[in-house]
């Protein structure tokens, strides 16, 4: 039965490091996904603003 303790003490650090790595990579992937969505939304807003400026009526001052 002593070998069970030895096996667990050998596996626990590896499993722990693997879980930490998994959580870190998951956080990185989720952050990247949120960043890409925010950039896409910002670009869509900028494009909509450019379209509205392009379609806005031009005001001409004839007082010259």
PDB file of N, CA and C in Angstrom:
ATOM      1  N   UNK A   1       0.816  -1.198   0.000  1.00  0.00           N
ATOM      2  CA  UNK A   1       0.000   0.000   0.000  1.00  0.00           C
ATOM      3  C   UNK A   1       0.858   1.260   0.000  1.00  0.00           C
ATOM      4  N   UNK A   2       2.124   1.106   0.325  1.00  0.00           N
ATOM      5  CA  UNK A   2       3.009   2.258   0.346  1.00  0.00           C
ATOM      6  C   UNK A   2       3.252   2.789  -1.066  1.00  0.00           C
ATOM      7  N   UNK A   3       3.137   1.910  -2.052  1.00  0.00           N
ATOM      8  CA  UNK A   3       3.369   2.329  -3.437  1.00  0.00           C
ATOM      9  C   UNK A   3       2.269   3.270  -3.927  1.00  0.00           C
ATOM     10  N   UNK A   4       1.061   3.212  -3.348  1.00  0.00           N
ATOM     11  CA  UNK A   4      -0.022   4.120  -3.750  1.00  0.00           C
ATOM     12  C   UNK A   4       0.340   5.553  -3.369  1.00  0.00           C
ATOM     13  N   UNK A   5       0.856   5.728  -2.178  1.00  0.00           N
ATOM     14  CA  UNK A   5       1.293   7.063  -1.753  1.00  0.00           C
ATOM     15  C   UNK A   5       2.424   7.579  -2.615  1.00  0.00           C
ATOM     16  N   UNK A   6       3.357   6.700  -2.956  1.00  0.00           N
ATOM     17  CA  UNK A   6       4.466   7.102  -3.826  1.00  0.00           C
ATOM     18  C   UNK A   6       3.965   7.490  -5.215  1.00  0.00           C
ATOM     19  N   UNK A   7       3.023   6.718  -5.737  1.00  0.00           N
ATOM     20  CA  UNK A   7       2.475   7.016  -7.066  1.00  0.00           C
ATOM     21  C   UNK A   7       1.718   8.342  -7.052  1.00  0.00           C
ATOM     22  N   UNK A   8       0.915   8.562  -6.030  1.00  0.00           N
ATOM     23  CA  UNK A   8       0.170   9.822  -5.942  1.00  0.00           C
ATOM     24  C   UNK A   8       1.106  11.013  -5.770  1.00  0.00           C
ATOM     25  N   UNK A   9       2.121  10.867  -4.948  1.00  0.00           N
ATOM     26  CA  UNK A   9       3.051  11.977  -4.749  1.00  0.00           C
ATOM     27  C   UNK A   9       3.858  12.257  -6.015  1.00  0.00           C
ATOM     28  N   UNK A  10       3.989  11.278  -6.878  1.00  0.00           N
ATOM     29  CA  UNK A  10       4.682  11.491  -8.149  1.00  0.00           C
ATOM     30  C   UNK A  10       3.763  12.121  -9.191  1.00  0.00           C
ATOM     31  N   UNK A  11       2.474  11.813  -9.145  1.00  0.00           N
ATOM     32  CA  UNK A  11       1.544  12.304 -10.160  1.00  0.00           C
ATOM     33  C   UNK A  11       0.929  13.659  -9.830  1.00  0.00           C
ATOM     34  N   UNK A  12       0.749  13.961  -8.563  1.00  0.00           N
ATOM     35  CA  UNK A  12       0.064  15.198  -8.168  1.00  0.00           C
ATOM     36  C   UNK A  12       0.753  16.449  -8.719  1.00  0.00           C
ATOM     37  N   UNK A  13       2.075  16.597  -8.632  1.00  0.00           N
ATOM     38  CA  UNK A  13       2.693  17.807  -9.196  1.00  0.00           C
ATOM     39  C   UNK A  13       2.468  17.947 -10.706  1.00  0.00           C
ATOM     40  N   UNK A  14       2.558  16.860 -11.427  1.00  0.00           N
ATOM     41  CA  UNK A  14       2.348  16.923 -12.879  1.00  0.00           C
ATOM     42  C   UNK A  14       0.912  17.297 -13.209  1.00  0.00           C
ATOM     43  N   UNK A  15      -0.024  16.707 -12.510  1.00  0.00           N
ATOM     44  CA  UNK A  15      -1.435  17.023 -12.738  1.00  0.00           C
ATOM     45  C   UNK A  15      -1.708  18.475 -12.354  1.00  0.00           C
ATOM     46  N   UNK A  16      -1.118  18.930 -11.262  1.00  0.00           N
ATOM     47  CA  UNK A  16      -1.295  20.321 -10.832  1.00  0.00           C
ATOM     48  C   UNK A  16      -0.771  21.308 -11.858  1.00  0.00           C
ATOM     49  N   UNK A  17       0.419  21.055 -12.363  1.00  0.00           N
ATOM     50  CA  UNK A  17       0.995  21.934 -13.390  1.00  0.00           C
ATOM     51  C   UNK A  17       0.145  21.884 -14.654  1.00  0.00           C
ATOM     52  N   UNK A  18      -0.340  20.708 -15.001  1.00  0.00           N
ATOM     53  CA  UNK A  18      -1.207  20.589 -16.179  1.00  0.00           C
ATOM     54  C   UNK A  18      -2.488  21.385 -16.022  1.00  0.00           C
ATOM     55  N   UNK A  19      -3.086  21.340 -14.837  1.00  0.00           N
ATOM     56  CA  UNK A  19      -4.309  22.118 -14.593  1.00  0.00           C
ATOM     57  C   UNK A  19      -4.039  23.615 -14.631  1.00  0.00           C
ATOM     58  N   UNK A  20      -2.935  24.048 -14.049  1.00  0.00           N
ATOM     59  CA  UNK A  20      -2.579  25.473 -14.103  1.00  0.00           C
ATOM     60  C   UNK A  20      -2.379  25.903 -15.551  1.00  0.00           C
ATOM     61  N   UNK A  21      -1.666  25.102 -16.330  1.00  0.00           N
ATOM     62  CA  UNK A  21      -1.456  25.417 -17.741  1.00  0.00           C
ATOM     63  C   UNK A  21      -2.789  25.505 -18.478  1.00  0.00           C
ATOM     64  N   UNK A  22      -3.691  24.582 -18.203  1.00  0.00           N
ATOM     65  CA  UNK A  22      -4.995  24.577 -18.867  1.00  0.00           C
ATOM     66  C   UNK A  22      -5.775  25.846 -18.536  1.00  0.00           C
ATOM     67  N   UNK A  23      -5.795  26.243 -17.250  1.00  0.00           N
ATOM     68  CA  UNK A  23      -6.514  27.457 -16.859  1.00  0.00           C
ATOM     69  C   UNK A  23      -5.907  28.700 -17.508  1.00  0.00           C
ATOM     70  N   UNK A  24      -4.582  28.770 -17.559  1.00  0.00           N
ATOM     71  CA  UNK A  24      -3.923  29.928 -18.166  1.00  0.00           C
ATOM     72  C   UNK A  24      -4.233  29.999 -19.656  1.00  0.00           C
ATOM     73  N   UNK A  25      -4.116  28.883 -20.366  1.00  0.00           N
ATOM     74  CA  UNK A  25      -4.391  28.887 -21.802  1.00  0.00           C
ATOM     75  C   UNK A  25      -5.861  29.198 -22.078  1.00  0.00           C
ATOM     76  N   UNK A  26      -6.750  28.699 -21.240  1.00  0.00           N
ATOM     77  CA  UNK A  26      -8.182  28.991 -21.392  1.00  0.00           C
ATOM     78  C   UNK A  26      -8.423  30.490 -21.230  1.00  0.00           C
ATOM     79  N   UNK A  27      -7.777  31.102 -20.244  1.00  0.00           N
ATOM     80  CA  UNK A  27      -7.925  32.542 -20.028  1.00  0.00           C
ATOM     81  C   UNK A  27      -7.377  33.332 -21.213  1.00  0.00           C
ATOM     82  N   UNK A  28      -6.255  32.908 -21.763  1.00  0.00           N
ATOM     83  CA  UNK A  28      -5.665  33.596 -22.915  1.00  0.00           C
ATOM     84  C   UNK A  28      -6.596  33.504 -24.121  1.00  0.00           C
ATOM     85  N   UNK A  29      -7.145  32.334 -24.371  1.00  0.00           N
ATOM     86  CA  UNK A  29      -8.032  32.149 -25.523  1.00  0.00           C
ATOM     87  C   UNK A  29      -9.308  32.965 -25.363  1.00  0.00           C
ATOM     88  N   UNK A  30      -9.877  32.982 -24.164  1.00  0.00           N
ATOM     89  CA  UNK A  30     -11.090  33.773 -23.937  1.00  0.00           C
ATOM     90  C   UNK A  30     -10.798  35.272 -24.061  1.00  0.00           C
ATOM     91  N   UNK A  31      -9.660  35.717 -23.560  1.00  0.00           N
ATOM     92  CA  UNK A  31      -9.293  37.125 -23.680  1.00  0.00           C
ATOM     93  C   UNK A  31      -9.105  37.506 -25.146  1.00  0.00           C
ATOM     94  N   UNK A  32      -8.483  36.632 -25.922  1.00  0.00           N
ATOM     95  CA  UNK A  32      -8.291  36.896 -27.346  1.00  0.00           C
ATOM     96  C   UNK A  32      -9.636  36.982 -28.059  1.00  0.00           C
ATOM     97  N   UNK A  33     -10.556  36.096 -27.711  1.00  0.00           N
ATOM     98  CA  UNK A  33     -11.881  36.109 -28.325  1.00  0.00           C
ATOM     99  C   UNK A  33     -12.605  37.423 -28.014  1.00  0.00           C
ATOM    100  N   UNK A  34     -12.532  37.861 -26.743  1.00  0.00           N
ATOM    101  CA  UNK A  34     -13.188  39.118 -26.363  1.00  0.00           C
ATOM    102  C   UNK A  34     -12.527  40.310 -27.049  1.00  0.00           C
ATOM    103  N   UNK A  35     -11.206  40.292 -27.172  1.00  0.00           N
ATOM    104  CA  UNK A  35     -10.503  41.381 -27.830  1.00  0.00           C
ATOM    105  C   UNK A  35     -10.878  41.458 -29.311  1.00  0.00           C
ATOM    106  N   UNK A  36     -10.934  40.322 -29.979  1.00  0.00           N
ATOM    107  CA  UNK A  36     -11.316  40.314 -31.393  1.00  0.00           C
ATOM    108  C   UNK A  36     -12.745  40.818 -31.586  1.00  0.00           C
ATOM    109  N   UNK A  37     -13.652  40.462 -30.677  1.00  0.00           N
ATOM    110  CA  UNK A  37     -15.036  40.940 -30.769  1.00  0.00           C
ATOM    111  C   UNK A  37     -15.093  42.447 -30.552  1.00  0.00           C
ATOM    112  N   UNK A  38     -14.318  42.964 -29.608  1.00  0.00           N
ATOM    113  CA  UNK A  38     -14.302  44.402 -29.346  1.00  0.00           C
ATOM    114  C   UNK A  38     -13.723  45.164 -30.532  1.00  0.00           C
ATOM    115  N   UNK A  39     -12.672  44.635 -31.129  1.00  0.00           N
ATOM    116  CA  UNK A  39     -12.072  45.289 -32.294  1.00  0.00           C
ATOM    117  C   UNK A  39     -13.046  45.274 -33.465  1.00  0.00           C
ATOM    118  N   UNK A  40     -13.733  44.170 -33.678  1.00  0.00           N
ATOM    119  CA  UNK A  40     -14.710  44.092 -34.767  1.00  0.00           C
ATOM    120  C   UNK A  40     -15.843  45.086 -34.549  1.00  0.00           C
ATOM    121  N   UNK A  41     -16.298  45.229 -33.309  1.00  0.00           N
ATOM    122  CA  UNK A  41     -17.365  46.185 -33.014  1.00  0.00           C
ATOM    123  C   UNK A  41     -16.871  47.613 -33.247  1.00  0.00           C
ATOM    124  N   UNK A  42     -15.660  47.924 -32.822  1.00  0.00           N
ATOM    125  CA  UNK A  42     -15.101  49.253 -33.027  1.00  0.00           C
ATOM    126  C   UNK A  42     -14.961  49.562 -34.513  1.00  0.00           C
ATOM    127  N   UNK A  43     -14.482  48.601 -35.286  1.00  0.00           N
ATOM    128  CA  UNK A  43     -14.343  48.817 -36.725  1.00  0.00           C
ATOM    129  C   UNK A  43     -15.698  48.997 -37.393  1.00  0.00           C
ATOM    130  N   UNK A  44     -16.709  48.274 -36.943  1.00  0.00           N
ATOM    131  CA  UNK A  44     -18.051  48.433 -37.504  1.00  0.00           C
ATOM    132  C   UNK A  44     -18.603  49.817 -37.184  1.00  0.00           C
ATOM    133  N   UNK A  45     -18.364  50.294 -35.965  1.00  0.00           N
ATOM    134  CA  UNK A  45     -18.819  51.638 -35.602  1.00  0.00           C
ATOM    135  C   UNK A  45     -18.099  52.699 -36.419  1.00  0.00           C
ATOM    136  N   UNK A  46     -16.803  52.530 -36.619  1.00  0.00           N
ATOM    137  CA  UNK A  46     -16.043  53.484 -37.430  1.00  0.00           C
ATOM    138  C   UNK A  46     -16.520  53.476 -38.875  1.00  0.00           C
ATOM    139  N   UNK A  47     -16.809  52.302 -39.400  1.00  0.00           N
ATOM    140  CA  UNK A  47     -17.294  52.207 -40.774  1.00  0.00           C
ATOM    141  C   UNK A  47     -18.675  52.848 -40.892  1.00  0.00           C
ATOM    142  N   UNK A  48     -19.536  52.647 -39.911  1.00  0.00           N
ATOM    143  CA  UNK A  48     -20.864  53.262 -39.932  1.00  0.00           C
ATOM    144  C   UNK A  48     -20.751  54.778 -39.843  1.00  0.00           C
ATOM    145  N   UNK A  49     -19.823  55.274 -39.028  1.00  0.00           N
ATOM    146  CA  UNK A  49     -19.627  56.719 -38.921  1.00  0.00           C
ATOM    147  C   UNK A  49     -19.105  57.287 -40.236  1.00  0.00           C
ATOM    148  N   UNK A  50     -18.201  56.576 -40.887  1.00  0.00           N
ATOM    149  CA  UNK A  50     -17.676  57.036 -42.173  1.00  0.00           C
ATOM    150  C   UNK A  50     -18.773  57.041 -43.229  1.00  0.00           C
ATOM    151  N   UNK A  51     -19.638  56.034 -43.217  1.00  0.00           N
ATOM    152  CA  UNK A  51     -20.743  55.985 -44.173  1.00  0.00           C
ATOM    153  C   UNK A  51     -21.719  57.131 -43.933  1.00  0.00           C
ATOM    154  N   UNK A  52     -22.007  57.439 -42.669  1.00  0.00           N
ATOM    155  CA  UNK A  52     -22.957  58.520 -42.385  1.00  0.00           C
ATOM    156  C   UNK A  52     -22.359  59.869 -42.765  1.00  0.00           C
ATOM    157  N   UNK A  53     -21.049  60.046 -42.590  1.00  0.00           N
ATOM    158  CA  UNK A  53     -20.405  61.287 -43.021  1.00  0.00           C
ATOM    159  C   UNK A  53     -20.426  61.401 -44.536  1.00  0.00           C
ATOM    160  N   UNK A  54     -20.266  60.298 -45.213  1.00  0.00           N
ATOM    161  CA  UNK A  54     -20.248  60.305 -46.672  1.00  0.00           C
ATOM    162  C   UNK A  54     -21.643  60.607 -47.220  1.00  0.00           C
ATOM    163  N   UNK A  55     -22.685  60.138 -46.553  1.00  0.00           N
ATOM    164  CA  UNK A  55     -24.051  60.330 -47.021  1.00  0.00           C
ATOM    165  C   UNK A  55     -24.696  61.596 -46.478  1.00  0.00           C
ATOM    166  N   UNK A  56     -24.014  62.322 -45.611  1.00  0.00           N
ATOM    167  CA  UNK A  56     -24.588  63.537 -45.030  1.00  0.00           C
ATOM    168  C   UNK A  56     -24.642  64.627 -46.097  1.00  0.00           C
ATOM    169  N   UNK A  57     -25.680  65.463 -46.065  1.00  0.00           N
ATOM    170  CA  UNK A  57     -25.763  66.559 -47.038  1.00  0.00           C
ATOM    171  C   UNK A  57     -24.652  67.572 -46.781  1.00  0.00           C
ATOM    172  N   UNK A  58     -24.105  68.091 -47.866  1.00  0.00           N
ATOM    173  CA  UNK A  58     -23.030  69.060 -47.773  1.00  0.00           C
ATOM    174  C   UNK A  58     -23.625  70.456 -47.622  1.00  0.00           C
ATOM    175  N   UNK A  59     -23.126  71.212 -46.662  1.00  0.00           N
ATOM    176  CA  UNK A  59     -23.589  72.577 -46.431  1.00  0.00           C
ATOM    177  C   UNK A  59     -22.638  73.504 -47.168  1.00  0.00           C
ATOM    178  N   UNK A  60     -23.204  74.327 -48.052  1.00  0.00           N
ATOM    179  CA  UNK A  60     -22.401  75.241 -48.846  1.00  0.00           C
ATOM    180  C   UNK A  60     -22.717  76.657 -48.397  1.00  0.00           C
ATOM    181  N   UNK A  61     -21.680  77.431 -48.109  1.00  0.00           N
ATOM    182  CA  UNK A  61     -21.853  78.814 -47.675  1.00  0.00           C
ATOM    183  C   UNK A  61     -21.736  79.713 -48.901  1.00  0.00           C
ATOM    184  N   UNK A  62     -22.842  80.375 -49.287  1.00  0.00           N
ATOM    185  CA  UNK A  62     -22.868  81.217 -50.490  1.00  0.00           C
ATOM    186  C   UNK A  62     -22.669  82.684 -50.159  1.00  0.00           C
ATOM    187  N   UNK A  63     -22.214  83.033 -48.991  1.00  0.00           N
ATOM    188  CA  UNK A  63     -22.065  84.429 -48.578  1.00  0.00           C
ATOM    189  C   UNK A  63     -20.742  85.023 -49.023  1.00  0.00           C
ATOM    190  N   UNK A  64     -19.964  84.356 -49.761  1.00  0.00           N
ATOM    191  CA  UNK A  64     -18.649  84.864 -50.150  1.00  0.00           C
ATOM    192  C   UNK A  64     -18.741  85.917 -51.176  1.00  0.00           C
TER     193      UNK A  64
END
